[in-house]
Amino acid sequence: MVDKTILVVPGKKLSVPRPFKRTLQVLSAVALTAVVALAIVVGNSFLVAKGGSLSGVDVWLAFIKRSDILATMALTALVTTMFLYWQRDQERK
């Protein structure tokens, strides 16, 4: 039997399997990292005289489509999520 945990979404609390919740947390961390990278690259393109903000989006797309960048973001999010759960479980003992 799979352990269930509570996933809180706006206005609801859902009972979901623990691996699903952790996968969702890792994916959201990767998405947030990509958004922060987009903000940095587009903000930087405003400061550079040539191109403008649309060239910043093109640079970001070229950056974010690289498999090594995506793998690094996913691995970092996975390791961080697992470490935080492990640390929380150790505190309960």
N, C-alpha and C. Protein backbone atom coordinates (compact mmCIF):
# COMPACT_ATOMS: atom_id res chain seq x y z
N MET A 1 0.84 -1.18 0.00
CA MET A 1 0.00 0.00 0.00
C MET A 1 0.89 1.25 0.00
N VAL A 2 0.53 2.22 -0.79
CA VAL A 2 1.29 3.45 -0.93
C VAL A 2 0.89 4.42 0.19
N ASP A 3 1.90 5.05 0.81
CA ASP A 3 1.63 6.06 1.83
C ASP A 3 0.96 7.25 1.18
N LYS A 4 -0.02 7.79 1.85
CA LYS A 4 -0.72 8.98 1.37
C LYS A 4 -0.26 10.18 2.18
N THR A 5 -0.30 11.33 1.55
CA THR A 5 0.03 12.58 2.21
C THR A 5 -0.93 13.65 1.70
N ILE A 6 -0.93 14.78 2.35
CA ILE A 6 -1.85 15.86 1.99
C ILE A 6 -1.14 16.83 1.06
N LEU A 7 -1.78 17.12 -0.06
CA LEU A 7 -1.31 18.14 -1.00
C LEU A 7 -2.27 19.31 -0.90
N VAL A 8 -1.74 20.45 -0.53
CA VAL A 8 -2.58 21.64 -0.37
C VAL A 8 -2.51 22.46 -1.65
N VAL A 9 -3.65 22.63 -2.26
CA VAL A 9 -3.79 23.51 -3.43
C VAL A 9 -4.79 24.59 -3.04
N PRO A 10 -4.77 25.72 -3.72
CA PRO A 10 -5.66 26.82 -3.31
C PRO A 10 -7.11 26.36 -3.17
N GLY A 11 -7.60 26.43 -1.96
CA GLY A 11 -8.99 26.11 -1.67
C GLY A 11 -9.27 24.65 -1.38
N LYS A 12 -8.28 23.76 -1.51
CA LYS A 12 -8.53 22.33 -1.30
C LYS A 12 -7.35 21.66 -0.63
N LYS A 13 -7.64 20.56 0.03
CA LYS A 13 -6.61 19.66 0.53
C LYS A 13 -6.88 18.30 -0.08
N LEU A 14 -5.90 17.78 -0.82
CA LEU A 14 -6.07 16.51 -1.51
C LEU A 14 -5.17 15.45 -0.90
N SER A 15 -5.68 14.24 -0.81
CA SER A 15 -4.88 13.11 -0.35
C SER A 15 -4.26 12.46 -1.58
N VAL A 16 -2.93 12.49 -1.67
CA VAL A 16 -2.22 11.97 -2.84
C VAL A 16 -1.09 11.06 -2.37
N PRO A 17 -0.63 10.17 -3.26
CA PRO A 17 0.54 9.34 -2.91
C PRO A 17 1.78 10.21 -2.70
N ARG A 18 2.61 9.81 -1.76
CA ARG A 18 3.81 10.56 -1.42
C ARG A 18 4.74 10.78 -2.61
N PRO A 19 5.01 9.76 -3.46
CA PRO A 19 5.89 10.01 -4.62
C PRO A 19 5.33 11.06 -5.59
N PHE A 20 4.01 11.09 -5.76
CA PHE A 20 3.39 12.10 -6.63
C PHE A 20 3.63 13.49 -6.08
N LYS A 21 3.45 13.65 -4.77
CA LYS A 21 3.66 14.97 -4.16
C LYS A 21 5.10 15.42 -4.32
N ARG A 22 6.03 14.52 -4.09
CA ARG A 22 7.45 14.88 -4.22
C ARG A 22 7.81 15.21 -5.66
N THR A 23 7.26 14.46 -6.62
CA THR A 23 7.50 14.76 -8.02
C THR A 23 6.96 16.13 -8.38
N LEU A 24 5.78 16.45 -7.89
CA LEU A 24 5.18 17.76 -8.13
C LEU A 24 6.03 18.87 -7.52
N GLN A 25 6.59 18.63 -6.34
CA GLN A 25 7.45 19.63 -5.71
C GLN A 25 8.73 19.84 -6.51
N VAL A 26 9.31 18.77 -7.01
CA VAL A 26 10.53 18.89 -7.82
C VAL A 26 10.24 19.65 -9.11
N LEU A 27 9.14 19.33 -9.77
CA LEU A 27 8.78 20.02 -11.01
C LEU A 27 8.51 21.50 -10.77
N SER A 28 7.87 21.82 -9.66
CA SER A 28 7.61 23.23 -9.37
C SER A 28 8.91 23.98 -9.06
N ALA A 29 9.85 23.32 -8.40
CA ALA A 29 11.15 23.95 -8.14
C ALA A 29 11.91 24.20 -9.44
N VAL A 30 11.85 23.26 -10.36
CA VAL A 30 12.50 23.44 -11.66
C VAL A 30 11.85 24.60 -12.42
N ALA A 31 10.53 24.67 -12.38
CA ALA A 31 9.82 25.76 -13.07
C ALA A 31 10.16 27.11 -12.45
N LEU A 32 10.22 27.19 -11.14
CA LEU A 32 10.59 28.44 -10.48
C LEU A 32 12.01 28.86 -10.83
N THR A 33 12.92 27.90 -10.91
CA THR A 33 14.30 28.20 -11.30
C THR A 33 14.35 28.75 -12.72
N ALA A 34 13.57 28.17 -13.62
CA ALA A 34 13.53 28.66 -15.00
C ALA A 34 12.96 30.07 -15.07
N VAL A 35 11.96 30.37 -14.26
CA VAL A 35 11.37 31.72 -14.25
C VAL A 35 12.38 32.74 -13.71
N VAL A 36 13.12 32.37 -12.68
CA VAL A 36 14.13 33.28 -12.13
C VAL A 36 15.23 33.52 -13.17
N ALA A 37 15.64 32.46 -13.87
CA ALA A 37 16.65 32.63 -14.92
C ALA A 37 16.12 33.54 -16.03
N LEU A 38 14.85 33.39 -16.38
CA LEU A 38 14.23 34.26 -17.39
C LEU A 38 14.25 35.71 -16.93
N ALA A 39 13.89 35.96 -15.70
CA ALA A 39 13.87 37.33 -15.18
C ALA A 39 15.27 37.95 -15.20
N ILE A 40 16.28 37.16 -14.86
CA ILE A 40 17.65 37.66 -14.85
C ILE A 40 18.12 37.98 -16.26
N VAL A 41 17.87 37.07 -17.20
CA VAL A 41 18.34 37.27 -18.57
C VAL A 41 17.60 38.43 -19.24
N VAL A 42 16.28 38.51 -19.07
CA VAL A 42 15.52 39.60 -19.68
C VAL A 42 15.90 40.93 -19.02
N GLY A 43 16.06 40.93 -17.69
CA GLY A 43 16.50 42.15 -17.01
C GLY A 43 17.86 42.61 -17.48
N ASN A 44 18.75 41.66 -17.72
CA ASN A 44 20.07 42.00 -18.22
C ASN A 44 19.99 42.57 -19.64
N SER A 45 19.08 42.04 -20.44
CA SER A 45 18.97 42.53 -21.82
C SER A 45 18.43 43.95 -21.88
N PHE A 46 17.68 44.38 -20.87
CA PHE A 46 17.25 45.78 -20.80
C PHE A 46 18.43 46.71 -20.60
N LEU A 47 19.44 46.22 -19.88
CA LEU A 47 20.59 47.05 -19.56
C LEU A 47 21.61 47.12 -20.70
N VAL A 48 21.53 46.17 -21.61
CA VAL A 48 22.46 46.13 -22.74
C VAL A 48 21.85 46.92 -23.88
N ALA A 49 22.65 47.73 -24.54
CA ALA A 49 22.14 48.64 -25.58
C ALA A 49 21.59 47.90 -26.79
N LYS A 50 22.18 46.78 -27.17
CA LYS A 50 21.75 46.12 -28.40
C LYS A 50 20.65 45.09 -28.12
N GLY A 51 19.73 44.95 -29.03
CA GLY A 51 18.75 43.87 -28.96
C GLY A 51 17.45 44.21 -28.28
N GLY A 52 17.46 44.46 -27.02
CA GLY A 52 16.23 44.71 -26.28
C GLY A 52 15.76 43.47 -25.54
N SER A 53 14.55 43.54 -25.00
CA SER A 53 14.06 42.46 -24.15
C SER A 53 13.75 41.20 -24.94
N LEU A 54 13.34 41.32 -26.20
CA LEU A 54 13.03 40.12 -26.98
C LEU A 54 14.28 39.30 -27.27
N SER A 55 15.41 39.96 -27.42
CA SER A 55 16.64 39.18 -27.59
C SER A 55 16.97 38.45 -26.29
N GLY A 56 16.57 39.02 -25.16
CA GLY A 56 16.77 38.34 -23.88
C GLY A 56 15.96 37.06 -23.78
N VAL A 57 14.76 37.08 -24.32
CA VAL A 57 13.93 35.87 -24.34
C VAL A 57 14.57 34.82 -25.25
N ASP A 58 15.11 35.25 -26.38
CA ASP A 58 15.79 34.31 -27.29
C ASP A 58 17.01 33.68 -26.61
N VAL A 59 17.76 34.49 -25.89
CA VAL A 59 18.93 33.97 -25.16
C VAL A 59 18.48 32.98 -24.10
N TRP A 60 17.39 33.31 -23.39
CA TRP A 60 16.88 32.42 -22.34
C TRP A 60 16.42 31.10 -22.94
N LEU A 61 15.70 31.16 -24.07
CA LEU A 61 15.24 29.93 -24.71
C LEU A 61 16.41 29.05 -25.13
N ALA A 62 17.45 29.65 -25.67
CA ALA A 62 18.64 28.87 -26.04
C ALA A 62 19.28 28.26 -24.81
N PHE A 63 19.28 29.00 -23.70
CA PHE A 63 19.87 28.52 -22.45
C PHE A 63 19.03 27.40 -21.85
N ILE A 64 17.73 27.59 -21.78
CA ILE A 64 16.87 26.67 -21.05
C ILE A 64 16.63 25.37 -21.83
N LYS A 65 16.83 25.38 -23.14
CA LYS A 65 16.64 24.18 -23.95
C LYS A 65 17.82 23.23 -23.88
N ARG A 66 18.92 23.67 -23.30
CA ARG A 66 20.09 22.79 -23.18
C ARG A 66 19.80 21.68 -22.19
N SER A 67 20.08 20.45 -22.57
CA SER A 67 19.76 19.31 -21.71
C SER A 67 20.60 19.30 -20.44
N ASP A 68 21.84 19.80 -20.50
CA ASP A 68 22.65 19.81 -19.28
C ASP A 68 22.10 20.82 -18.27
N ILE A 69 21.54 21.92 -18.74
CA ILE A 69 20.96 22.91 -17.84
C ILE A 69 19.70 22.34 -17.19
N LEU A 70 18.84 21.72 -17.99
CA LEU A 70 17.62 21.11 -17.45
C LEU A 70 17.94 20.00 -16.46
N ALA A 71 18.94 19.18 -16.79
CA ALA A 71 19.32 18.10 -15.89
C ALA A 71 19.88 18.64 -14.58
N THR A 72 20.66 19.71 -14.64
CA THR A 72 21.21 20.31 -13.42
C THR A 72 20.09 20.89 -12.55
N MET A 73 19.13 21.56 -13.18
CA MET A 73 18.02 22.12 -12.40
C MET A 73 17.19 21.01 -11.75
N ALA A 74 16.91 19.95 -12.51
CA ALA A 74 16.11 18.84 -11.98
C ALA A 74 16.86 18.11 -10.87
N LEU A 75 18.14 17.86 -11.07
CA LEU A 75 18.92 17.17 -10.05
C LEU A 75 19.02 17.99 -8.77
N THR A 76 19.23 19.28 -8.90
CA THR A 76 19.30 20.15 -7.73
C THR A 76 17.97 20.16 -6.98
N ALA A 77 16.87 20.26 -7.70
CA ALA A 77 15.56 20.25 -7.05
C ALA A 77 15.28 18.92 -6.39
N LEU A 78 15.62 17.81 -7.04
CA LEU A 78 15.40 16.49 -6.48
C LEU A 78 16.21 16.27 -5.21
N VAL A 79 17.49 16.59 -5.27
CA VAL A 79 18.36 16.40 -4.10
C VAL A 79 17.90 17.29 -2.95
N THR A 80 17.54 18.53 -3.23
CA THR A 80 17.09 19.43 -2.17
C THR A 80 15.80 18.93 -1.53
N THR A 81 14.85 18.49 -2.34
CA THR A 81 13.59 17.99 -1.81
C THR A 81 13.82 16.74 -0.95
N MET A 82 14.59 15.82 -1.45
CA MET A 82 14.86 14.59 -0.69
C MET A 82 15.61 14.89 0.61
N PHE A 83 16.57 15.81 0.55
CA PHE A 83 17.31 16.16 1.76
C PHE A 83 16.40 16.79 2.80
N LEU A 84 15.51 17.67 2.38
CA LEU A 84 14.60 18.31 3.34
C LEU A 84 13.65 17.30 3.97
N TYR A 85 13.13 16.36 3.18
CA TYR A 85 12.28 15.32 3.76
C TYR A 85 13.06 14.43 4.70
N TRP A 86 14.27 14.05 4.32
CA TRP A 86 15.10 13.21 5.19
C TRP A 86 15.40 13.93 6.50
N GLN A 87 15.77 15.21 6.40
CA GLN A 87 16.09 15.98 7.61
C GLN A 87 14.86 16.11 8.50
N ARG A 88 13.70 16.34 7.93
CA ARG A 88 12.47 16.46 8.71
C ARG A 88 12.15 15.13 9.41
N ASP A 89 12.36 14.01 8.70
CA ASP A 89 12.11 12.71 9.31
C ASP A 89 13.07 12.41 10.44
N GLN A 90 14.33 12.87 10.31
CA GLN A 90 15.31 12.67 11.37
C GLN A 90 14.96 13.47 12.62
N GLU A 91 14.38 14.65 12.45
CA GLU A 91 13.99 15.49 13.59
C GLU A 91 12.84 14.85 14.37
N ARG A 92 12.01 14.09 13.71
CA ARG A 92 10.86 13.46 14.37
C ARG A 92 11.28 12.30 15.25
N LYS A 93 12.42 11.69 14.95
CA LYS A 93 12.87 10.51 15.72
C LYS A 93 13.41 10.90 17.06
